[in-house]
PDB file of N, CA and C in Angstrom:
ATOM      1  N   MET A   1       0.855  -1.161   0.000  1.00  0.00           N
ATOM      2  CA  MET A   1       0.000   0.000   0.000  1.00  0.00           C
ATOM      3  C   MET A   1       0.904   1.228   0.000  1.00  0.00           C
ATOM      4  N   VAL A   2       0.484   2.247  -0.682  1.00  0.00           N
ATOM      5  CA  VAL A   2       1.223   3.504  -0.732  1.00  0.00           C
ATOM      6  C   VAL A   2       0.471   4.521   0.116  1.00  0.00           C
ATOM      7  N   THR A   3       1.211   5.226   0.978  1.00  0.00           N
ATOM      8  CA  THR A   3       0.599   6.278   1.783  1.00  0.00           C
ATOM      9  C   THR A   3       1.353   7.581   1.571  1.00  0.00           C
ATOM     10  N   LEU A   4       0.650   8.672   1.754  1.00  0.00           N
ATOM     11  CA  LEU A   4       1.237   9.998   1.677  1.00  0.00           C
ATOM     12  C   LEU A   4       0.791  10.747   2.916  1.00  0.00           C
ATOM     13  N   ARG A   5       1.768  11.069   3.768  1.00  0.00           N
ATOM     14  CA  ARG A   5       1.474  11.737   5.046  1.00  0.00           C
ATOM     15  C   ARG A   5       0.436  10.969   5.851  1.00  0.00           C
ATOM     16  N   GLY A   6       0.558   9.654   5.822  1.00  0.00           N
ATOM     17  CA  GLY A   6      -0.317   8.796   6.605  1.00  0.00           C
ATOM     18  C   GLY A   6      -1.664   8.486   5.986  1.00  0.00           C
ATOM     19  N   VAL A   7      -1.925   8.992   4.784  1.00  0.00           N
ATOM     20  CA  VAL A   7      -3.209   8.750   4.126  1.00  0.00           C
ATOM     21  C   VAL A   7      -3.004   7.774   2.971  1.00  0.00           C
ATOM     22  N   GLN A   8      -3.747   6.682   2.992  1.00  0.00           N
ATOM     23  CA  GLN A   8      -3.641   5.674   1.949  1.00  0.00           C
ATOM     24  C   GLN A   8      -3.992   6.263   0.588  1.00  0.00           C
ATOM     25  N   GLN A   9      -3.157   5.966  -0.408  1.00  0.00           N
ATOM     26  CA  GLN A   9      -3.376   6.428  -1.771  1.00  0.00           C
ATOM     27  C   GLN A   9      -3.727   5.223  -2.634  1.00  0.00           C
ATOM     28  N   GLY A  10      -4.949   5.121  -3.068  1.00  0.00           N
ATOM     29  CA  GLY A  10      -5.372   3.997  -3.895  1.00  0.00           C
ATOM     30  C   GLY A  10      -5.556   2.736  -3.078  1.00  0.00           C
ATOM     31  N   GLU A  11      -5.605   1.631  -3.786  1.00  0.00           N
ATOM     32  CA  GLU A  11      -5.808   0.324  -3.166  1.00  0.00           C
ATOM     33  C   GLU A  11      -4.464  -0.362  -2.916  1.00  0.00           C
ATOM     34  N   PRO A  12      -4.410  -1.262  -1.919  1.00  0.00           N
ATOM     35  CA  PRO A  12      -3.174  -2.025  -1.697  1.00  0.00           C
ATOM     36  C   PRO A  12      -2.825  -2.868  -2.923  1.00  0.00           C
ATOM     37  N   PHE A  13      -1.537  -3.094  -3.113  1.00  0.00           N
ATOM     38  CA  PHE A  13      -1.084  -3.937  -4.224  1.00  0.00           C
ATOM     39  C   PHE A  13      -1.520  -5.373  -3.967  1.00  0.00           C
ATOM     40  N   LYS A  14      -2.079  -6.013  -4.979  1.00  0.00           N
ATOM     41  CA  LYS A  14      -2.531  -7.398  -4.845  1.00  0.00           C
ATOM     42  C   LYS A  14      -1.447  -8.389  -5.271  1.00  0.00           C
ATOM     43  N   GLU A  15      -0.583  -7.983  -6.202  1.00  0.00           N
ATOM     44  CA  GLU A  15       0.459  -8.877  -6.710  1.00  0.00           C
ATOM     45  C   GLU A  15       1.798  -8.528  -6.072  1.00  0.00           C
ATOM     46  N   PRO A  16       2.379  -9.444  -5.294  1.00  0.00           N
ATOM     47  CA  PRO A  16       3.674  -9.166  -4.656  1.00  0.00           C
ATOM     48  C   PRO A  16       4.775  -8.859  -5.672  1.00  0.00           C
ATOM     49  N   GLU A  17       4.699  -9.456  -6.855  1.00  0.00           N
ATOM     50  CA  GLU A  17       5.727  -9.212  -7.871  1.00  0.00           C
ATOM     51  C   GLU A  17       5.712  -7.752  -8.342  1.00  0.00           C
ATOM     52  N   PHE A  18       4.528  -7.175  -8.484  1.00  0.00           N
ATOM     53  CA  PHE A  18       4.428  -5.780  -8.898  1.00  0.00           C
ATOM     54  C   PHE A  18       4.986  -4.862  -7.813  1.00  0.00           C
ATOM     55  N   TYR A  19       4.651  -5.136  -6.584  1.00  0.00           N
ATOM     56  CA  TYR A  19       5.157  -4.358  -5.453  1.00  0.00           C
ATOM     57  C   TYR A  19       6.675  -4.423  -5.396  1.00  0.00           C
ATOM     58  N   ASP A  20       7.233  -5.630  -5.540  1.00  0.00           N
ATOM     59  CA  ASP A  20       8.691  -5.800  -5.519  1.00  0.00           C
ATOM     60  C   ASP A  20       9.354  -5.010  -6.644  1.00  0.00           C
ATOM     61  N   ALA A  21       8.770  -5.059  -7.834  1.00  0.00           N
ATOM     62  CA  ALA A  21       9.323  -4.324  -8.969  1.00  0.00           C
ATOM     63  C   ALA A  21       9.275  -2.821  -8.718  1.00  0.00           C
ATOM     64  N   LEU A  22       8.184  -2.347  -8.165  1.00  0.00           N
ATOM     65  CA  LEU A  22       8.040  -0.927  -7.864  1.00  0.00           C
ATOM     66  C   LEU A  22       9.100  -0.476  -6.861  1.00  0.00           C
ATOM     67  N   LEU A  23       9.307  -1.256  -5.833  1.00  0.00           N
ATOM     68  CA  LEU A  23      10.327  -0.909  -4.847  1.00  0.00           C
ATOM     69  C   LEU A  23      11.724  -0.904  -5.456  1.00  0.00           C
ATOM     70  N   ARG A  24      12.011  -1.862  -6.328  1.00  0.00           N
ATOM     71  CA  ARG A  24      13.334  -1.905  -6.974  1.00  0.00           C
ATOM     72  C   ARG A  24      13.574  -0.663  -7.822  1.00  0.00           C
ATOM     73  N   ILE A  25      12.522  -0.160  -8.485  1.00  0.00           N
ATOM     74  CA  ILE A  25      12.667   1.027  -9.331  1.00  0.00           C
ATOM     75  C   ILE A  25      13.116   2.221  -8.495  1.00  0.00           C
ATOM     76  N   TRP A  26      12.537   2.407  -7.306  1.00  0.00           N
ATOM     77  CA  TRP A  26      12.823   3.592  -6.504  1.00  0.00           C
ATOM     78  C   TRP A  26      13.835   3.361  -5.400  1.00  0.00           C
ATOM     79  N   LEU A  27      13.953   2.138  -4.893  1.00  0.00           N
ATOM     80  CA  LEU A  27      14.825   1.893  -3.746  1.00  0.00           C
ATOM     81  C   LEU A  27      15.922   0.869  -4.004  1.00  0.00           C
ATOM     82  N   GLY A  28      15.962   0.300  -5.200  1.00  0.00           N
ATOM     83  CA  GLY A  28      16.949  -0.727  -5.512  1.00  0.00           C
ATOM     84  C   GLY A  28      18.353  -0.174  -5.697  1.00  0.00           C
ATOM     85  N   PRO A  29      19.293  -1.031  -6.084  1.00  0.00           N
ATOM     86  CA  PRO A  29      20.686  -0.616  -6.233  1.00  0.00           C
ATOM     87  C   PRO A  29      20.916   0.381  -7.370  1.00  0.00           C
ATOM     88  N   SER A  30      20.026   0.455  -8.333  1.00  0.00           N
ATOM     89  CA  SER A  30      20.137   1.422  -9.438  1.00  0.00           C
ATOM     90  C   SER A  30      18.800   2.148  -9.591  1.00  0.00           C
ATOM     91  N   PRO A  31      18.459   3.026  -8.646  1.00  0.00           N
ATOM     92  CA  PRO A  31      17.148   3.673  -8.671  1.00  0.00           C
ATOM     93  C   PRO A  31      16.993   4.627  -9.842  1.00  0.00           C
ATOM     94  N   ALA A  32      15.757   4.913 -10.189  1.00  0.00           N
ATOM     95  CA  ALA A  32      15.460   5.851 -11.271  1.00  0.00           C
ATOM     96  C   ALA A  32      15.921   7.261 -10.901  1.00  0.00           C
ATOM     97  N   ASP A  33      15.955   7.575  -9.606  1.00  0.00           N
ATOM     98  CA  ASP A  33      16.338   8.912  -9.149  1.00  0.00           C
ATOM     99  C   ASP A  33      17.005   8.780  -7.780  1.00  0.00           C
ATOM    100  N   TRP A  34      18.322   9.001  -7.723  1.00  0.00           N
ATOM    101  CA  TRP A  34      19.066   8.851  -6.468  1.00  0.00           C
ATOM    102  C   TRP A  34      18.590   9.831  -5.400  1.00  0.00           C
ATOM    103  N   LYS A  35      18.261  11.070  -5.782  1.00  0.00           N
ATOM    104  CA  LYS A  35      17.812  12.064  -4.802  1.00  0.00           C
ATOM    105  C   LYS A  35      16.490  11.633  -4.176  1.00  0.00           C
ATOM    106  N   LEU A  36      15.598  11.087  -5.000  1.00  0.00           N
ATOM    107  CA  LEU A  36      14.329  10.616  -4.459  1.00  0.00           C
ATOM    108  C   LEU A  36      14.550   9.437  -3.536  1.00  0.00           C
ATOM    109  N   LYS A  37      15.441   8.523  -3.897  1.00  0.00           N
ATOM    110  CA  LYS A  37      15.728   7.380  -3.036  1.00  0.00           C
ATOM    111  C   LYS A  37      16.225   7.863  -1.678  1.00  0.00           C
ATOM    112  N   ASP A  38      17.175   8.797  -1.696  1.00  0.00           N
ATOM    113  CA  ASP A  38      17.695   9.317  -0.433  1.00  0.00           C
ATOM    114  C   ASP A  38      16.601   9.991   0.382  1.00  0.00           C
ATOM    115  N   ALA A  39      15.723  10.748  -0.281  1.00  0.00           N
ATOM    116  CA  ALA A  39      14.624  11.416   0.420  1.00  0.00           C
ATOM    117  C   ALA A  39      13.655  10.404   1.004  1.00  0.00           C
ATOM    118  N   LEU A  40      13.326   9.360   0.247  1.00  0.00           N
ATOM    119  CA  LEU A  40      12.420   8.334   0.748  1.00  0.00           C
ATOM    120  C   LEU A  40      12.995   7.620   1.956  1.00  0.00           C
ATOM    121  N   LEU A  41      14.320   7.487   1.988  1.00  0.00           N
ATOM    122  CA  LEU A  41      14.981   6.803   3.090  1.00  0.00           C
ATOM    123  C   LEU A  41      15.351   7.749   4.218  1.00  0.00           C
ATOM    124  N   GLY A  42      15.028   9.042   4.071  1.00  0.00           N
ATOM    125  CA  GLY A  42      15.286  10.005   5.126  1.00  0.00           C
ATOM    126  C   GLY A  42      16.738  10.434   5.244  1.00  0.00           C
ATOM    127  N   LYS A  43      17.515  10.262   4.171  1.00  0.00           N
ATOM    128  CA  LYS A  43      18.921  10.658   4.184  1.00  0.00           C
ATOM    129  C   LYS A  43      19.046  12.134   3.847  1.00  0.00           C
ATOM    130  N   ALA A  44      19.974  12.786   4.518  1.00  0.00           N
ATOM    131  CA  ALA A  44      20.218  14.218   4.250  1.00  0.00           C
ATOM    132  C   ALA A  44      20.797  14.373   2.849  1.00  0.00           C
ATOM    133  N   GLY A  45      20.352  15.377   2.120  1.00  0.00           N
ATOM    134  CA  GLY A  45      20.806  15.554   0.761  1.00  0.00           C
ATOM    135  C   GLY A  45      21.652  16.677   0.554  1.00  0.00           C
TER     136      GLY A  45
END
């Protein structure tokens, strides 16, 4: 499930494979955007 400031956005993911792929895109070893990855993980930029 995706939340924004504690509010659920849309429906929870039903397929674990889709969720895993989504996480890899933003949080994996080669993210689509390093600054966003750091922000999502709470790292100082």
